[in-house]
Amino acid sequence: MMKDSKPDWRLLCEQAAKETDFNKLLELTAEITRLLDQREECLEALAERVAARFQAPMSTVLSTREN
């Protein structure tokens, strides 16, 4: 879950949907894009850590089956 100190991209999307000022809309979409890119990077890093964690035990299991 996002910390309270960080803007929530969903709230920014709601603001963008109602925004009538073009320049403010551009600012909001740029911030939404930045936050979603950041979130994607975090999720990819987490997925890599989880995958790495499960690869080592699986290799151990596979090597014991071969013996």
PDB file of N, CA and C in Angstrom:
ATOM      1  N   MET A   1       0.841  -1.178   0.000  1.00  0.00           N
ATOM      2  CA  MET A   1       0.000   0.000   0.000  1.00  0.00           C
ATOM      3  C   MET A   1       0.892   1.249   0.000  1.00  0.00           C
ATOM      4  N   MET A   2       0.422   2.304  -0.647  1.00  0.00           N
ATOM      5  CA  MET A   2       1.196   3.531  -0.759  1.00  0.00           C
ATOM      6  C   MET A   2       1.224   4.257   0.582  1.00  0.00           C
ATOM      7  N   LYS A   3       2.346   4.905   0.861  1.00  0.00           N
ATOM      8  CA  LYS A   3       2.449   5.725   2.064  1.00  0.00           C
ATOM      9  C   LYS A   3       1.611   6.985   1.894  1.00  0.00           C
ATOM     10  N   ASP A   4       1.153   7.531   3.014  1.00  0.00           N
ATOM     11  CA  ASP A   4       0.318   8.728   2.959  1.00  0.00           C
ATOM     12  C   ASP A   4       1.053   9.928   2.384  1.00  0.00           C
ATOM     13  N   SER A   5       2.380   9.962   2.500  1.00  0.00           N
ATOM     14  CA  SER A   5       3.147  11.102   2.021  1.00  0.00           C
ATOM     15  C   SER A   5       3.262  11.135   0.490  1.00  0.00           C
ATOM     16  N   LYS A   6       2.950  10.037  -0.160  1.00  0.00           N
ATOM     17  CA  LYS A   6       3.049   9.970  -1.618  1.00  0.00           C
ATOM     18  C   LYS A   6       1.664  10.143  -2.228  1.00  0.00           C
ATOM     19  N   PRO A   7       1.574  10.900  -3.316  1.00  0.00           N
ATOM     20  CA  PRO A   7       0.260  11.049  -3.965  1.00  0.00           C
ATOM     21  C   PRO A   7      -0.205   9.732  -4.575  1.00  0.00           C
ATOM     22  N   ASP A   8      -1.464   9.456  -4.449  1.00  0.00           N
ATOM     23  CA  ASP A   8      -2.031   8.242  -4.991  1.00  0.00           C
ATOM     24  C   ASP A   8      -2.410   8.481  -6.447  1.00  0.00           C
ATOM     25  N   TRP A   9      -1.938   7.650  -7.358  1.00  0.00           N
ATOM     26  CA  TRP A   9      -2.184   7.858  -8.785  1.00  0.00           C
ATOM     27  C   TRP A   9      -3.672   7.797  -9.117  1.00  0.00           C
ATOM     28  N   ARG A  10      -4.416   7.030  -8.334  1.00  0.00           N
ATOM     29  CA  ARG A  10      -5.859   6.949  -8.598  1.00  0.00           C
ATOM     30  C   ARG A  10      -6.564   8.273  -8.306  1.00  0.00           C
ATOM     31  N   LEU A  11      -6.146   8.937  -7.250  1.00  0.00           N
ATOM     32  CA  LEU A  11      -6.720  10.249  -6.941  1.00  0.00           C
ATOM     33  C   LEU A  11      -6.362  11.265  -8.023  1.00  0.00           C
ATOM     34  N   LEU A  12      -5.135  11.166  -8.507  1.00  0.00           N
ATOM     35  CA  LEU A  12      -4.717  12.067  -9.586  1.00  0.00           C
ATOM     36  C   LEU A  12      -5.511  11.801 -10.863  1.00  0.00           C
ATOM     37  N   CYS A  13      -5.854  10.556 -11.114  1.00  0.00           N
ATOM     38  CA  CYS A  13      -6.688  10.231 -12.282  1.00  0.00           C
ATOM     39  C   CYS A  13      -8.071  10.849 -12.143  1.00  0.00           C
ATOM     40  N   GLU A  14      -8.618  10.796 -10.939  1.00  0.00           N
ATOM     41  CA  GLU A  14      -9.914  11.422 -10.704  1.00  0.00           C
ATOM     42  C   GLU A  14      -9.844  12.928 -10.944  1.00  0.00           C
ATOM     43  N   GLN A  15      -8.763  13.543 -10.464  1.00  0.00           N
ATOM     44  CA  GLN A  15      -8.579  14.981 -10.689  1.00  0.00           C
ATOM     45  C   GLN A  15      -8.438  15.285 -12.182  1.00  0.00           C
ATOM     46  N   ALA A  16      -7.680  14.453 -12.881  1.00  0.00           N
ATOM     47  CA  ALA A  16      -7.455  14.672 -14.307  1.00  0.00           C
ATOM     48  C   ALA A  16      -8.761  14.550 -15.096  1.00  0.00           C
ATOM     49  N   ALA A  17      -9.625  13.648 -14.670  1.00  0.00           N
ATOM     50  CA  ALA A  17     -10.892  13.453 -15.369  1.00  0.00           C
ATOM     51  C   ALA A  17     -11.778  14.691 -15.276  1.00  0.00           C
ATOM     52  N   LYS A  18     -11.598  15.463 -14.212  1.00  0.00           N
ATOM     53  CA  LYS A  18     -12.431  16.653 -13.995  1.00  0.00           C
ATOM     54  C   LYS A  18     -11.736  17.949 -14.401  1.00  0.00           C
ATOM     55  N   GLU A  19     -10.440  17.863 -14.707  1.00  0.00           N
ATOM     56  CA  GLU A  19      -9.647  19.078 -14.979  1.00  0.00           C
ATOM     57  C   GLU A  19     -10.044  19.720 -16.305  1.00  0.00           C
ATOM     58  N   THR A  20     -10.223  21.032 -16.272  1.00  0.00           N
ATOM     59  CA  THR A  20     -10.565  21.766 -17.496  1.00  0.00           C
ATOM     60  C   THR A  20      -9.402  22.606 -18.006  1.00  0.00           C
ATOM     61  N   ASP A  21      -8.422  22.842 -17.156  1.00  0.00           N
ATOM     62  CA  ASP A  21      -7.247  23.615 -17.568  1.00  0.00           C
ATOM     63  C   ASP A  21      -6.247  22.675 -18.250  1.00  0.00           C
ATOM     64  N   PHE A  22      -5.931  22.978 -19.509  1.00  0.00           N
ATOM     65  CA  PHE A  22      -5.070  22.103 -20.300  1.00  0.00           C
ATOM     66  C   PHE A  22      -3.690  21.923 -19.671  1.00  0.00           C
ATOM     67  N   ASN A  23      -3.079  23.003 -19.202  1.00  0.00           N
ATOM     68  CA  ASN A  23      -1.736  22.913 -18.616  1.00  0.00           C
ATOM     69  C   ASN A  23      -1.740  22.087 -17.334  1.00  0.00           C
ATOM     70  N   LYS A  24      -2.769  22.256 -16.520  1.00  0.00           N
ATOM     71  CA  LYS A  24      -2.875  21.470 -15.296  1.00  0.00           C
ATOM     72  C   LYS A  24      -3.093  19.993 -15.637  1.00  0.00           C
ATOM     73  N   LEU A  25      -3.881  19.741 -16.690  1.00  0.00           N
ATOM     74  CA  LEU A  25      -4.103  18.362 -17.134  1.00  0.00           C
ATOM     75  C   LEU A  25      -2.793  17.715 -17.576  1.00  0.00           C
ATOM     76  N   LEU A  26      -1.971  18.460 -18.282  1.00  0.00           N
ATOM     77  CA  LEU A  26      -0.657  17.936 -18.688  1.00  0.00           C
ATOM     78  C   LEU A  26       0.207  17.612 -17.472  1.00  0.00           C
ATOM     79  N   GLU A  27       0.185  18.490 -16.478  1.00  0.00           N
ATOM     80  CA  GLU A  27       0.946  18.249 -15.244  1.00  0.00           C
ATOM     81  C   GLU A  27       0.447  16.994 -14.533  1.00  0.00           C
ATOM     82  N   LEU A  28      -0.865  16.861 -14.450  1.00  0.00           N
ATOM     83  CA  LEU A  28      -1.436  15.690 -13.786  1.00  0.00           C
ATOM     84  C   LEU A  28      -1.077  14.401 -14.519  1.00  0.00           C
ATOM     85  N   THR A  29      -1.196  14.403 -15.839  1.00  0.00           N
ATOM     86  CA  THR A  29      -0.881  13.185 -16.591  1.00  0.00           C
ATOM     87  C   THR A  29       0.611  12.843 -16.506  1.00  0.00           C
ATOM     88  N   ALA A  30       1.450  13.852 -16.473  1.00  0.00           N
ATOM     89  CA  ALA A  30       2.887  13.590 -16.314  1.00  0.00           C
ATOM     90  C   ALA A  30       3.165  12.961 -14.951  1.00  0.00           C
ATOM     91  N   GLU A  31       2.509  13.448 -13.907  1.00  0.00           N
ATOM     92  CA  GLU A  31       2.703  12.901 -12.565  1.00  0.00           C
ATOM     93  C   GLU A  31       2.121  11.489 -12.471  1.00  0.00           C
ATOM     94  N   ILE A  32       0.974  11.266 -13.082  1.00  0.00           N
ATOM     95  CA  ILE A  32       0.378   9.929 -13.086  1.00  0.00           C
ATOM     96  C   ILE A  32       1.321   8.949 -13.781  1.00  0.00           C
ATOM     97  N   THR A  33       1.845   9.345 -14.916  1.00  0.00           N
ATOM     98  CA  THR A  33       2.777   8.490 -15.660  1.00  0.00           C
ATOM     99  C   THR A  33       4.013   8.182 -14.827  1.00  0.00           C
ATOM    100  N   ARG A  34       4.560   9.201 -14.169  1.00  0.00           N
ATOM    101  CA  ARG A  34       5.745   9.005 -13.323  1.00  0.00           C
ATOM    102  C   ARG A  34       5.462   8.019 -12.199  1.00  0.00           C
ATOM    103  N   LEU A  35       4.318   8.195 -11.531  1.00  0.00           N
ATOM    104  CA  LEU A  35       3.967   7.310 -10.421  1.00  0.00           C
ATOM    105  C   LEU A  35       3.732   5.875 -10.881  1.00  0.00           C
ATOM    106  N   LEU A  36       3.080   5.711 -12.028  1.00  0.00           N
ATOM    107  CA  LEU A  36       2.839   4.362 -12.537  1.00  0.00           C
ATOM    108  C   LEU A  36       4.127   3.697 -13.011  1.00  0.00           C
ATOM    109  N   ASP A  37       5.026   4.465 -13.605  1.00  0.00           N
ATOM    110  CA  ASP A  37       6.331   3.917 -13.996  1.00  0.00           C
ATOM    111  C   ASP A  37       7.104   3.470 -12.760  1.00  0.00           C
ATOM    112  N   GLN A  38       7.055   4.289 -11.728  1.00  0.00           N
ATOM    113  CA  GLN A  38       7.732   3.960 -10.468  1.00  0.00           C
ATOM    114  C   GLN A  38       7.134   2.690  -9.854  1.00  0.00           C
ATOM    115  N   ARG A  39       5.817   2.602  -9.883  1.00  0.00           N
ATOM    116  CA  ARG A  39       5.145   1.419  -9.344  1.00  0.00           C
ATOM    117  C   ARG A  39       5.531   0.170 -10.138  1.00  0.00           C
ATOM    118  N   GLU A  40       5.569   0.296 -11.463  1.00  0.00           N
ATOM    119  CA  GLU A  40       5.938  -0.832 -12.307  1.00  0.00           C
ATOM    120  C   GLU A  40       7.357  -1.307 -11.993  1.00  0.00           C
ATOM    121  N   GLU A  41       8.284  -0.364 -11.810  1.00  0.00           N
ATOM    122  CA  GLU A  41       9.661  -0.726 -11.473  1.00  0.00           C
ATOM    123  C   GLU A  41       9.719  -1.469 -10.144  1.00  0.00           C
ATOM    124  N   CYS A  42       8.958  -1.012  -9.165  1.00  0.00           N
ATOM    125  CA  CYS A  42       8.935  -1.673  -7.862  1.00  0.00           C
ATOM    126  C   CYS A  42       8.374  -3.087  -7.970  1.00  0.00           C
ATOM    127  N   LEU A  43       7.300  -3.243  -8.736  1.00  0.00           N
ATOM    128  CA  LEU A  43       6.694  -4.559  -8.895  1.00  0.00           C
ATOM    129  C   LEU A  43       7.614  -5.509  -9.654  1.00  0.00           C
ATOM    130  N   GLU A  44       8.319  -4.996 -10.665  1.00  0.00           N
ATOM    131  CA  GLU A  44       9.265  -5.839 -11.400  1.00  0.00           C
ATOM    132  C   GLU A  44      10.411  -6.288 -10.489  1.00  0.00           C
ATOM    133  N   ALA A  45      10.907  -5.375  -9.658  1.00  0.00           N
ATOM    134  CA  ALA A  45      11.980  -5.727  -8.727  1.00  0.00           C
ATOM    135  C   ALA A  45      11.499  -6.773  -7.721  1.00  0.00           C
ATOM    136  N   LEU A  46      10.279  -6.608  -7.243  1.00  0.00           N
ATOM    137  CA  LEU A  46       9.717  -7.582  -6.314  1.00  0.00           C
ATOM    138  C   LEU A  46       9.568  -8.942  -6.975  1.00  0.00           C
ATOM    139  N   ALA A  47       9.074  -8.968  -8.200  1.00  0.00           N
ATOM    140  CA  ALA A  47       8.908 -10.227  -8.931  1.00  0.00           C
ATOM    141  C   ALA A  47      10.252 -10.917  -9.128  1.00  0.00           C
ATOM    142  N   GLU A  48      11.286 -10.154  -9.418  1.00  0.00           N
ATOM    143  CA  GLU A  48      12.625 -10.730  -9.583  1.00  0.00           C
ATOM    144  C   GLU A  48      13.130 -11.339  -8.277  1.00  0.00           C
ATOM    145  N   ARG A  49      12.893 -10.632  -7.158  1.00  0.00           N
ATOM    146  CA  ARG A  49      13.322 -11.159  -5.854  1.00  0.00           C
ATOM    147  C   ARG A  49      12.569 -12.435  -5.509  1.00  0.00           C
ATOM    148  N   VAL A  50      11.278 -12.457  -5.776  1.00  0.00           N
ATOM    149  CA  VAL A  50      10.480 -13.653  -5.482  1.00  0.00           C
ATOM    150  C   VAL A  50      10.939 -14.810  -6.359  1.00  0.00           C
ATOM    151  N   ALA A  51      11.145 -14.543  -7.641  1.00  0.00           N
ATOM    152  CA  ALA A  51      11.594 -15.598  -8.551  1.00  0.00           C
ATOM    153  C   ALA A  51      12.955 -16.143  -8.119  1.00  0.00           C
ATOM    154  N   ALA A  52      13.860 -15.256  -7.735  1.00  0.00           N
ATOM    155  CA  ALA A  52      15.195 -15.693  -7.306  1.00  0.00           C
ATOM    156  C   ALA A  52      15.101 -16.534  -6.036  1.00  0.00           C
ATOM    157  N   ARG A  53      14.181 -16.178  -5.183  1.00  0.00           N
ATOM    158  CA  ARG A  53      14.027 -16.907  -3.924  1.00  0.00           C
ATOM    159  C   ARG A  53      13.561 -18.343  -4.170  1.00  0.00           C
ATOM    160  N   PHE A  54      12.717 -18.533  -5.173  1.00  0.00           N
ATOM    161  CA  PHE A  54      12.182 -19.861  -5.433  1.00  0.00           C
ATOM    162  C   PHE A  54      13.052 -20.678  -6.382  1.00  0.00           C
ATOM    163  N   GLN A  55      13.958 -20.052  -7.098  1.00  0.00           N
ATOM    164  CA  GLN A  55      14.810 -20.798  -8.021  1.00  0.00           C
ATOM    165  C   GLN A  55      15.808 -21.671  -7.277  1.00  0.00           C
ATOM    166  N   ALA A  56      16.406 -21.165  -6.242  1.00  0.00           N
ATOM    167  CA  ALA A  56      17.413 -21.936  -5.508  1.00  0.00           C
ATOM    168  C   ALA A  56      16.810 -23.196  -4.893  1.00  0.00           C
ATOM    169  N   PRO A  57      15.702 -23.114  -4.168  1.00  0.00           N
ATOM    170  CA  PRO A  57      15.130 -24.345  -3.605  1.00  0.00           C
ATOM    171  C   PRO A  57      14.701 -25.343  -4.669  1.00  0.00           C
ATOM    172  N   MET A  58      14.192 -24.868  -5.800  1.00  0.00           N
ATOM    173  CA  MET A  58      13.778 -25.787  -6.855  1.00  0.00           C
ATOM    174  C   MET A  58      14.972 -26.533  -7.424  1.00  0.00           C
ATOM    175  N   SER A  59      16.102 -25.882  -7.581  1.00  0.00           N
ATOM    176  CA  SER A  59      17.281 -26.573  -8.102  1.00  0.00           C
ATOM    177  C   SER A  59      17.737 -27.640  -7.117  1.00  0.00           C
ATOM    178  N   THR A  60      17.565 -27.373  -5.842  1.00  0.00           N
ATOM    179  CA  THR A  60      17.915 -28.362  -4.824  1.00  0.00           C
ATOM    180  C   THR A  60      16.975 -29.558  -4.925  1.00  0.00           C
ATOM    181  N   VAL A  61      15.703 -29.308  -5.095  1.00  0.00           N
ATOM    182  CA  VAL A  61      14.722 -30.387  -5.214  1.00  0.00           C
ATOM    183  C   VAL A  61      15.002 -31.200  -6.470  1.00  0.00           C
ATOM    184  N   LEU A  62      15.280 -30.547  -7.568  1.00  0.00           N
ATOM    185  CA  LEU A  62      15.543 -31.264  -8.817  1.00  0.00           C
ATOM    186  C   LEU A  62      16.807 -32.108  -8.716  1.00  0.00           C
ATOM    187  N   SER A  63      17.842 -31.601  -8.070  1.00  0.00           N
ATOM    188  CA  SER A  63      19.076 -32.367  -7.970  1.00  0.00           C
ATOM    189  C   SER A  63      18.907 -33.577  -7.072  1.00  0.00           C
ATOM    190  N   THR A  64      18.065 -33.518  -6.056  1.00  0.00           N
ATOM    191  CA  THR A  64      17.842 -34.673  -5.199  1.00  0.00           C
ATOM    192  C   THR A  64      16.984 -35.722  -5.893  1.00  0.00           C
ATOM    193  N   ARG A  65      16.140 -35.318  -6.836  1.00  0.00           N
ATOM    194  CA  ARG A  65      15.333 -36.278  -7.589  1.00  0.00           C
ATOM    195  C   ARG A  65      16.188 -37.076  -8.563  1.00  0.00           C
ATOM    196  N   GLU A  66      17.239 -36.472  -9.071  1.00  0.00           N
ATOM    197  CA  GLU A  66      18.099 -37.133 -10.049  1.00  0.00           C
ATOM    198  C   GLU A  66      18.948 -38.218  -9.392  1.00  0.00           C
ATOM    199  N   ASN A  67      19.199 -38.092  -8.098  1.00  0.00           N
ATOM    200  CA  ASN A  67      20.060 -39.056  -7.391  1.00  0.00           C
ATOM    201  C   ASN A  67      19.332 -40.291  -7.027  1.00  0.00           C
TER     202      ASN A  67
END
